[in-house]
N, C-alpha and C. Protein backbone atom coordinates (compact mmCIF):
# COMPACT_ATOMS: atom_id res chain seq x y z
N MET A 1 106.42 77.98 77.31
CA MET A 1 105.57 77.37 76.32
C MET A 1 104.63 78.42 75.75
N ARG A 2 104.55 78.48 74.47
CA ARG A 2 103.66 79.43 73.82
C ARG A 2 102.31 78.80 73.57
N THR A 3 101.32 79.61 73.77
CA THR A 3 99.96 79.15 73.47
C THR A 3 99.43 79.98 72.31
N GLN A 4 98.40 79.49 71.71
CA GLN A 4 97.82 80.21 70.59
C GLN A 4 97.37 81.59 71.03
N GLY A 5 97.75 82.60 70.28
CA GLY A 5 97.36 83.96 70.58
C GLY A 5 98.33 84.69 71.50
N SER A 6 99.43 84.02 71.91
CA SER A 6 100.36 84.67 72.82
C SER A 6 101.45 85.43 72.09
N ASP A 7 101.49 85.35 70.77
CA ASP A 7 102.51 86.03 70.00
C ASP A 7 102.04 87.44 69.65
N LEU A 8 102.13 88.35 70.62
CA LEU A 8 101.68 89.71 70.43
C LEU A 8 102.85 90.59 70.04
N THR A 9 102.60 91.60 69.27
CA THR A 9 103.65 92.56 68.96
C THR A 9 103.95 93.38 70.19
N GLY A 10 105.09 94.08 70.21
CA GLY A 10 105.45 94.91 71.35
C GLY A 10 104.38 95.93 71.65
N ARG A 11 103.84 96.56 70.62
CA ARG A 11 102.80 97.57 70.84
C ARG A 11 101.54 96.94 71.43
N SER A 12 101.17 95.77 70.93
CA SER A 12 99.97 95.11 71.45
C SER A 12 100.13 94.76 72.92
N ARG A 13 101.33 94.28 73.31
CA ARG A 13 101.58 93.96 74.71
C ARG A 13 101.51 95.19 75.58
N ARG A 14 102.10 96.29 75.10
CA ARG A 14 102.08 97.54 75.86
C ARG A 14 100.65 98.03 76.01
N ASP A 15 99.88 97.97 74.93
CA ASP A 15 98.48 98.39 74.99
C ASP A 15 97.70 97.54 75.97
N ALA A 16 97.94 96.24 75.97
CA ALA A 16 97.23 95.34 76.88
C ALA A 16 97.58 95.66 78.33
N ARG A 17 98.86 95.94 78.61
CA ARG A 17 99.27 96.30 79.97
C ARG A 17 98.60 97.59 80.40
N GLU A 18 98.53 98.57 79.51
CA GLU A 18 97.90 99.84 79.85
C GLU A 18 96.42 99.64 80.14
N ARG A 19 95.76 98.83 79.32
CA ARG A 19 94.33 98.58 79.54
C ARG A 19 94.12 97.87 80.87
N ALA A 20 95.07 97.04 81.27
CA ALA A 20 94.94 96.30 82.52
C ALA A 20 95.34 97.14 83.72
N GLY A 21 95.80 98.37 83.50
CA GLY A 21 96.13 99.25 84.60
C GLY A 21 97.49 99.00 85.21
N ARG A 22 98.39 98.34 84.47
CA ARG A 22 99.68 98.00 85.01
C ARG A 22 100.64 99.18 85.07
N ARG A 23 100.30 100.32 84.47
CA ARG A 23 101.17 101.48 84.50
C ARG A 23 100.70 102.46 85.56
N ALA A 24 100.47 101.96 86.74
CA ALA A 24 100.01 102.83 87.81
C ALA A 24 101.14 103.71 88.29
N GLY A 25 100.79 104.84 88.86
CA GLY A 25 101.78 105.75 89.41
C GLY A 25 101.78 107.06 88.68
N PRO A 26 102.74 107.92 89.00
CA PRO A 26 102.81 109.23 88.36
C PRO A 26 102.98 109.10 86.85
N GLY A 27 102.22 109.85 86.13
CA GLY A 27 102.29 109.82 84.67
C GLY A 27 101.47 108.73 84.03
N ALA A 28 100.81 107.90 84.83
CA ALA A 28 99.99 106.83 84.28
C ALA A 28 98.78 107.45 83.60
N PRO A 29 98.35 106.87 82.48
CA PRO A 29 97.18 107.42 81.80
C PRO A 29 95.92 107.24 82.63
N VAL A 30 95.11 108.24 82.64
CA VAL A 30 93.82 108.16 83.34
C VAL A 30 92.82 107.54 82.38
N PRO A 31 92.10 106.50 82.83
CA PRO A 31 91.10 105.90 81.96
C PRO A 31 90.08 106.95 81.53
N GLY A 32 89.76 107.00 80.29
CA GLY A 32 88.85 108.03 79.83
C GLY A 32 87.83 107.45 78.89
N PRO A 33 86.95 108.19 78.35
CA PRO A 33 86.76 109.61 78.64
C PRO A 33 86.03 109.80 79.97
N VAL A 34 86.33 110.88 80.62
CA VAL A 34 85.72 111.20 81.89
C VAL A 34 84.80 112.40 81.70
N GLY A 35 83.54 112.21 81.98
CA GLY A 35 82.57 113.28 81.86
C GLY A 35 82.31 113.90 83.22
N PRO A 36 81.49 114.94 83.24
CA PRO A 36 81.21 115.62 84.49
C PRO A 36 80.53 114.73 85.53
N ALA A 37 79.79 113.74 85.09
CA ALA A 37 79.09 112.86 86.04
C ALA A 37 79.99 111.74 86.56
N ASP A 38 81.13 111.51 85.89
CA ASP A 38 82.03 110.44 86.30
C ASP A 38 82.95 110.92 87.41
N ARG A 39 83.31 110.00 88.24
CA ARG A 39 84.20 110.31 89.35
C ARG A 39 85.36 109.32 89.32
N LEU A 40 86.55 109.80 89.59
CA LEU A 40 87.69 108.90 89.66
C LEU A 40 87.78 108.29 91.05
N VAL A 41 88.03 107.00 91.08
CA VAL A 41 88.26 106.28 92.32
C VAL A 41 89.62 105.60 92.18
N THR A 42 90.11 105.04 93.26
CA THR A 42 91.42 104.40 93.24
C THR A 42 91.28 102.89 93.33
N CYS A 43 92.02 102.19 92.48
CA CYS A 43 92.03 100.73 92.51
C CYS A 43 92.61 100.28 93.85
N THR A 44 91.92 99.39 94.51
CA THR A 44 92.32 98.90 95.82
C THR A 44 93.66 98.17 95.77
N ILE A 45 93.96 97.52 94.67
CA ILE A 45 95.18 96.72 94.55
C ILE A 45 96.37 97.55 94.08
N ARG A 46 96.21 98.27 92.97
CA ARG A 46 97.33 98.97 92.34
C ARG A 46 97.39 100.46 92.62
N ASP A 47 96.43 101.00 93.31
CA ASP A 47 96.37 102.44 93.57
C ASP A 47 96.35 103.27 92.29
N SER A 48 95.82 102.72 91.22
CA SER A 48 95.74 103.46 89.96
C SER A 48 94.36 104.11 89.84
N PRO A 49 94.30 105.26 89.15
CA PRO A 49 93.01 105.93 88.98
C PRO A 49 92.09 105.11 88.08
N THR A 50 90.83 105.05 88.45
CA THR A 50 89.84 104.28 87.72
C THR A 50 88.55 105.08 87.67
N VAL A 51 87.89 105.08 86.53
CA VAL A 51 86.61 105.77 86.40
C VAL A 51 85.54 104.91 87.07
N ARG A 52 84.87 105.49 88.04
CA ARG A 52 83.89 104.76 88.85
C ARG A 52 82.81 104.10 88.00
N SER A 53 82.23 104.84 87.07
CA SER A 53 81.14 104.27 86.27
C SER A 53 81.63 103.12 85.39
N ARG A 54 82.85 103.22 84.91
CA ARG A 54 83.40 102.14 84.08
C ARG A 54 83.67 100.90 84.94
N ALA A 55 84.22 101.08 86.14
CA ALA A 55 84.46 99.95 87.03
C ALA A 55 83.15 99.25 87.37
N GLU A 56 82.11 100.04 87.63
CA GLU A 56 80.81 99.45 87.94
C GLU A 56 80.23 98.71 86.74
N ALA A 57 80.35 99.30 85.56
CA ALA A 57 79.82 98.66 84.35
C ALA A 57 80.56 97.36 84.03
N ASP A 58 81.86 97.33 84.32
CA ASP A 58 82.67 96.14 84.02
C ASP A 58 82.63 95.10 85.14
N GLY A 59 81.94 95.40 86.24
CA GLY A 59 81.85 94.46 87.34
C GLY A 59 83.10 94.43 88.21
N HIS A 60 83.86 95.52 88.21
CA HIS A 60 85.10 95.59 88.98
C HIS A 60 84.87 96.30 90.31
N VAL A 61 83.80 95.92 91.00
CA VAL A 61 83.46 96.49 92.30
C VAL A 61 83.08 95.34 93.23
N ARG A 62 83.57 95.41 94.45
CA ARG A 62 83.19 94.43 95.47
C ARG A 62 82.73 95.19 96.70
N VAL A 63 81.79 94.61 97.45
CA VAL A 63 81.30 95.23 98.69
C VAL A 63 81.61 94.27 99.83
N ARG A 64 82.33 94.78 100.83
CA ARG A 64 82.66 94.01 102.03
C ARG A 64 82.37 94.89 103.24
N ALA A 65 81.62 94.38 104.17
CA ALA A 65 81.30 95.09 105.42
C ALA A 65 80.74 96.48 105.14
N GLY A 66 79.92 96.59 104.09
CA GLY A 66 79.28 97.86 103.77
C GLY A 66 80.16 98.86 103.03
N ARG A 67 81.38 98.49 102.72
CA ARG A 67 82.29 99.39 102.00
C ARG A 67 82.51 98.88 100.58
N ARG A 68 82.55 99.82 99.63
CA ARG A 68 82.75 99.46 98.22
C ARG A 68 84.24 99.54 97.88
N TYR A 69 84.74 98.51 97.22
CA TYR A 69 86.13 98.45 96.78
C TYR A 69 86.13 98.41 95.25
N TYR A 70 86.87 99.32 94.64
CA TYR A 70 86.92 99.45 93.18
C TYR A 70 88.24 98.90 92.65
N PHE A 71 88.19 98.37 91.41
CA PHE A 71 89.37 97.77 90.79
C PHE A 71 89.49 98.26 89.36
N CYS A 72 90.73 98.37 88.89
CA CYS A 72 90.99 98.86 87.53
C CYS A 72 90.79 97.77 86.49
N CYS A 73 90.85 96.50 86.90
CA CYS A 73 90.75 95.41 85.93
C CYS A 73 90.28 94.13 86.62
N SER A 74 89.98 93.13 85.82
CA SER A 74 89.51 91.86 86.38
C SER A 74 90.61 91.13 87.13
N ASP A 75 91.89 91.34 86.76
CA ASP A 75 92.99 90.72 87.49
C ASP A 75 93.02 91.20 88.94
N CYS A 76 92.85 92.50 89.15
CA CYS A 76 92.84 93.05 90.51
C CYS A 76 91.63 92.55 91.28
N ALA A 77 90.49 92.48 90.63
CA ALA A 77 89.29 91.97 91.29
C ALA A 77 89.49 90.51 91.71
N ALA A 78 90.15 89.73 90.86
CA ALA A 78 90.41 88.32 91.18
C ALA A 78 91.37 88.19 92.37
N LEU A 79 92.39 89.06 92.44
CA LEU A 79 93.30 89.04 93.58
C LEU A 79 92.55 89.34 94.87
N PHE A 80 91.66 90.31 94.82
CA PHE A 80 90.84 90.67 95.98
C PHE A 80 89.94 89.50 96.37
N ASP A 81 89.31 88.88 95.37
CA ASP A 81 88.40 87.76 95.64
C ASP A 81 89.13 86.58 96.29
N ALA A 82 90.41 86.38 95.93
CA ALA A 82 91.18 85.27 96.47
C ALA A 82 91.49 85.46 97.96
N ASP A 83 91.71 86.70 98.39
CA ASP A 83 92.06 86.97 99.79
C ASP A 83 91.59 88.36 100.19
N PRO A 84 90.28 88.55 100.32
CA PRO A 84 89.76 89.90 100.60
C PRO A 84 90.25 90.48 101.93
N LEU A 85 90.47 89.65 102.93
CA LEU A 85 90.89 90.16 104.23
C LEU A 85 92.25 90.85 104.16
N ALA A 86 93.10 90.41 103.28
CA ALA A 86 94.42 91.05 103.14
C ALA A 86 94.27 92.49 102.68
N TYR A 87 93.24 92.78 101.92
CA TYR A 87 93.04 94.13 101.40
C TYR A 87 92.06 94.94 102.25
N VAL A 88 91.09 94.29 102.86
CA VAL A 88 90.12 94.97 103.69
C VAL A 88 90.81 95.51 104.95
N LEU A 89 91.69 94.73 105.52
CA LEU A 89 92.36 95.14 106.75
C LEU A 89 93.38 96.24 106.53
N THR A 90 93.93 96.34 105.31
CA THR A 90 94.94 97.37 105.03
C THR A 90 94.33 98.62 104.46
N ALA A 91 93.08 98.56 104.01
CA ALA A 91 92.46 99.72 103.36
C ALA A 91 92.00 100.76 104.36
């Protein structure tokens, strides 16, 4: 079933996936721009590189048992929120 706004062009869908961090792995684009004060961290869910300051600004950080967990997108943060123990115990 199609909903309003779901008819995206191929390029728009690809861009949306890239912004959501779905192209993790070798050759995946690094979120930028990265300045000297920025540090790359790894998304707890997808293992994709994420700019620490951007994750913090976007609210894609969770703290459990004194440890900070960073996420590349709100989808990953929601997965963590649904079952944090699954990720805390494996991290």
